[in-house]
Amino acid sequence: MIEPEQKKLYYSIGEVSKMFGVSASLIRFWESEFELLHPRKNRKGNRLFSQKDIDNLKLIYHLVKERRFTIEGAKNKLKRGKDSNMDKMEIVKSLEGIRAFLMEIKKEL
């Protein structure tokens, strides 16, 4: 998953799909399956994802792609406690960053 280079108010579905390295159709599928995704649509019907939508997609991506939950399993997990899942995901990402940093130090020794 790629972090956006600049903070914008809204991202297109193409930008979002590149951030996560998945197809736009998968993003649309997740939108239909998960109640917490509500991108705005412009007059043409193009989806516009806010930072809140991106954060929710990060959580869904973490559960489905990284932790290998089924769609139903991820839905149940989110119903039980989105905040605790978000905290755990942030801890995992932080630890992965620390590990990468330590591996770089190890290479330099």
C-alpha atoms as a PDB file:
ATOM      1  CA  MET A   1       0.000   0.000   0.000  1.00  0.00           C
ATOM      2  CA  ILE A   2       1.355   3.411  -1.019  1.00  0.00           C
ATOM      3  CA  GLU A   3       0.793   6.512   1.071  1.00  0.00           C
ATOM      4  CA  PRO A   4      -0.415   9.540  -0.907  1.00  0.00           C
ATOM      5  CA  GLU A   5       2.331  12.093  -1.597  1.00  0.00           C
ATOM      6  CA  GLN A   6       0.129  15.079  -0.869  1.00  0.00           C
ATOM      7  CA  LYS A   7      -2.976  15.471   1.204  1.00  0.00           C
ATOM      8  CA  LYS A   8      -6.041  16.264  -0.860  1.00  0.00           C
ATOM      9  CA  LEU A   9      -9.675  16.641   0.111  1.00  0.00           C
ATOM     10  CA  TYR A  10     -10.827  13.991  -2.348  1.00  0.00           C
ATOM     11  CA  TYR A  11      -9.170  11.230  -4.352  1.00  0.00           C
ATOM     12  CA  SER A  12     -10.475   9.588  -7.522  1.00  0.00           C
ATOM     13  CA  ILE A  13     -11.042   5.849  -7.630  1.00  0.00           C
ATOM     14  CA  GLY A  14      -7.990   5.548  -9.913  1.00  0.00           C
ATOM     15  CA  GLU A  15      -5.776   7.241  -7.339  1.00  0.00           C
ATOM     16  CA  VAL A  16      -7.203   5.082  -4.567  1.00  0.00           C
ATOM     17  CA  SER A  17      -6.703   1.871  -6.520  1.00  0.00           C
ATOM     18  CA  LYS A  18      -3.048   2.828  -7.147  1.00  0.00           C
ATOM     19  CA  MET A  19      -2.548   3.604  -3.439  1.00  0.00           C
ATOM     20  CA  PHE A  20      -3.660   0.117  -2.488  1.00  0.00           C
ATOM     21  CA  GLY A  21      -2.330  -1.729  -5.519  1.00  0.00           C
ATOM     22  CA  VAL A  22      -5.751  -3.197  -6.325  1.00  0.00           C
ATOM     23  CA  SER A  23      -8.184  -2.761  -9.191  1.00  0.00           C
ATOM     24  CA  ALA A  24     -10.881  -0.103  -9.240  1.00  0.00           C
ATOM     25  CA  SER A  25     -13.473  -2.860  -9.514  1.00  0.00           C
ATOM     26  CA  LEU A  26     -12.307  -4.288  -6.179  1.00  0.00           C
ATOM     27  CA  ILE A  27     -12.707  -0.864  -4.561  1.00  0.00           C
ATOM     28  CA  ARG A  28     -16.247  -0.659  -5.993  1.00  0.00           C
ATOM     29  CA  PHE A  29     -16.957  -4.185  -4.714  1.00  0.00           C
ATOM     30  CA  TRP A  30     -15.757  -3.280  -1.223  1.00  0.00           C
ATOM     31  CA  GLU A  31     -17.961  -0.185  -1.368  1.00  0.00           C
ATOM     32  CA  SER A  32     -20.991  -2.388  -2.027  1.00  0.00           C
ATOM     33  CA  GLU A  33     -20.049  -4.868   0.713  1.00  0.00           C
ATOM     34  CA  PHE A  34     -18.932  -2.602   3.573  1.00  0.00           C
ATOM     35  CA  GLU A  35     -21.379  -0.100   5.035  1.00  0.00           C
ATOM     36  CA  LEU A  36     -18.641   2.195   6.329  1.00  0.00           C
ATOM     37  CA  LEU A  37     -17.517   3.206   2.811  1.00  0.00           C
ATOM     38  CA  HIS A  38     -19.458   6.174   1.466  1.00  0.00           C
ATOM     39  CA  PRO A  39     -17.517   8.008  -1.244  1.00  0.00           C
ATOM     40  CA  ARG A  40     -19.156  11.110  -2.649  1.00  0.00           C
ATOM     41  CA  LYS A  41     -20.150  11.130  -6.275  1.00  0.00           C
ATOM     42  CA  ASN A  42     -19.924  14.099  -8.599  1.00  0.00           C
ATOM     43  CA  ARG A  43     -22.490  14.965 -11.257  1.00  0.00           C
ATOM     44  CA  LYS A  44     -20.944  12.463 -13.649  1.00  0.00           C
ATOM     45  CA  GLY A  45     -21.198   9.728 -11.028  1.00  0.00           C
ATOM     46  CA  ASN A  46     -17.436   9.509 -10.431  1.00  0.00           C
ATOM     47  CA  ARG A  47     -16.526   8.447  -6.921  1.00  0.00           C
ATOM     48  CA  LEU A  48     -14.584  10.880  -4.764  1.00  0.00           C
ATOM     49  CA  PHE A  49     -12.938   9.384  -1.689  1.00  0.00           C
ATOM     50  CA  SER A  50     -12.278  11.537   1.396  1.00  0.00           C
ATOM     51  CA  GLN A  51      -9.474  10.922   3.887  1.00  0.00           C
ATOM     52  CA  LYS A  52     -12.013   9.153   6.139  1.00  0.00           C
ATOM     53  CA  ASP A  53     -12.870   6.801   3.253  1.00  0.00           C
ATOM     54  CA  ILE A  54      -9.139   6.168   2.699  1.00  0.00           C
ATOM     55  CA  ASP A  55      -8.704   5.327   6.393  1.00  0.00           C
ATOM     56  CA  ASN A  56     -11.649   2.925   6.227  1.00  0.00           C
ATOM     57  CA  LEU A  57     -10.194   1.341   3.094  1.00  0.00           C
ATOM     58  CA  LYS A  58      -6.857   0.905   4.888  1.00  0.00           C
ATOM     59  CA  LEU A  59      -8.663  -1.030   7.596  1.00  0.00           C
ATOM     60  CA  ILE A  60     -10.573  -3.165   5.081  1.00  0.00           C
ATOM     61  CA  TYR A  61      -7.381  -3.777   3.091  1.00  0.00           C
ATOM     62  CA  HIS A  62      -5.554  -4.786   6.268  1.00  0.00           C
ATOM     63  CA  LEU A  63      -8.248  -7.277   7.257  1.00  0.00           C
ATOM     64  CA  VAL A  64      -8.926  -8.765   3.816  1.00  0.00           C
ATOM     65  CA  LYS A  65      -5.534  -8.685   2.106  1.00  0.00           C
ATOM     66  CA  GLU A  66      -2.994  -8.751   4.926  1.00  0.00           C
ATOM     67  CA  ARG A  67      -4.785 -10.784   7.598  1.00  0.00           C
ATOM     68  CA  ARG A  68      -6.609 -12.929   4.992  1.00  0.00           C
ATOM     69  CA  PHE A  69     -10.125 -12.492   6.440  1.00  0.00           C
ATOM     70  CA  THR A  70     -13.091 -13.429   4.279  1.00  0.00           C
ATOM     71  CA  ILE A  71     -15.470 -10.609   3.392  1.00  0.00           C
ATOM     72  CA  GLU A  72     -17.983 -11.893   5.963  1.00  0.00           C
ATOM     73  CA  GLY A  73     -15.253 -12.291   8.573  1.00  0.00           C
ATOM     74  CA  ALA A  74     -14.047  -8.743   7.977  1.00  0.00           C
ATOM     75  CA  LYS A  75     -17.628  -7.422   8.225  1.00  0.00           C
ATOM     76  CA  ASN A  76     -18.103  -9.196  11.555  1.00  0.00           C
ATOM     77  CA  LYS A  77     -14.766  -7.954  12.855  1.00  0.00           C
ATOM     78  CA  LEU A  78     -15.650  -4.374  11.915  1.00  0.00           C
ATOM     79  CA  LYS A  79     -19.072  -4.636  13.568  1.00  0.00           C
ATOM     80  CA  ARG A  80     -17.461  -5.742  16.820  1.00  0.00           C
ATOM     81  CA  GLY A  81     -15.131  -2.802  17.093  1.00  0.00           C
ATOM     82  CA  LYS A  82     -13.716  -0.585  14.375  1.00  0.00           C
ATOM     83  CA  ASP A  83     -11.670   1.524  16.799  1.00  0.00           C
ATOM     84  CA  SER A  84      -9.792  -1.405  18.339  1.00  0.00           C
ATOM     85  CA  ASN A  85      -9.094  -2.825  14.875  1.00  0.00           C
ATOM     86  CA  MET A  86      -7.769   0.528  13.720  1.00  0.00           C
ATOM     87  CA  ASP A  87      -5.497   0.739  16.771  1.00  0.00           C
ATOM     88  CA  LYS A  88      -4.131  -2.760  16.138  1.00  0.00           C
ATOM     89  CA  MET A  89      -3.533  -1.972  12.472  1.00  0.00           C
ATOM     90  CA  GLU A  90      -1.613   1.186  13.385  1.00  0.00           C
ATOM     91  CA  ILE A  91       0.505  -0.750  15.893  1.00  0.00           C
ATOM     92  CA  VAL A  92       1.332  -3.388  13.266  1.00  0.00           C
ATOM     93  CA  LYS A  93       2.292  -0.701  10.723  1.00  0.00           C
ATOM     94  CA  SER A  94       4.445   1.054  13.318  1.00  0.00           C
ATOM     95  CA  LEU A  95       6.209  -2.173  14.235  1.00  0.00           C
ATOM     96  CA  GLU A  96       6.813  -2.960  10.554  1.00  0.00           C
ATOM     97  CA  GLY A  97       8.397   0.472  10.155  1.00  0.00           C
ATOM     98  CA  ILE A  98      10.622  -0.090  13.184  1.00  0.00           C
ATOM     99  CA  ARG A  99      11.624  -3.506  11.845  1.00  0.00           C
ATOM    100  CA  ALA A 100      12.562  -2.017   8.467  1.00  0.00           C
ATOM    101  CA  PHE A 101      14.593   0.674  10.215  1.00  0.00           C
ATOM    102  CA  LEU A 102      16.432  -1.916  12.299  1.00  0.00           C
ATOM    103  CA  MET A 103      17.124  -4.047   9.245  1.00  0.00           C
ATOM    104  CA  GLU A 104      18.717  -1.024   7.551  1.00  0.00           C
ATOM    105  CA  ILE A 105      20.920  -0.446  10.605  1.00  0.00           C
ATOM    106  CA  LYS A 106      21.896  -4.133  10.571  1.00  0.00           C
ATOM    107  CA  LYS A 107      22.941  -3.866   6.903  1.00  0.00           C
ATOM    108  CA  GLU A 108      25.170  -0.904   7.687  1.00  0.00           C
ATOM    109  CA  LEU A 109      27.034  -2.756  10.459  1.00  0.00           C
END
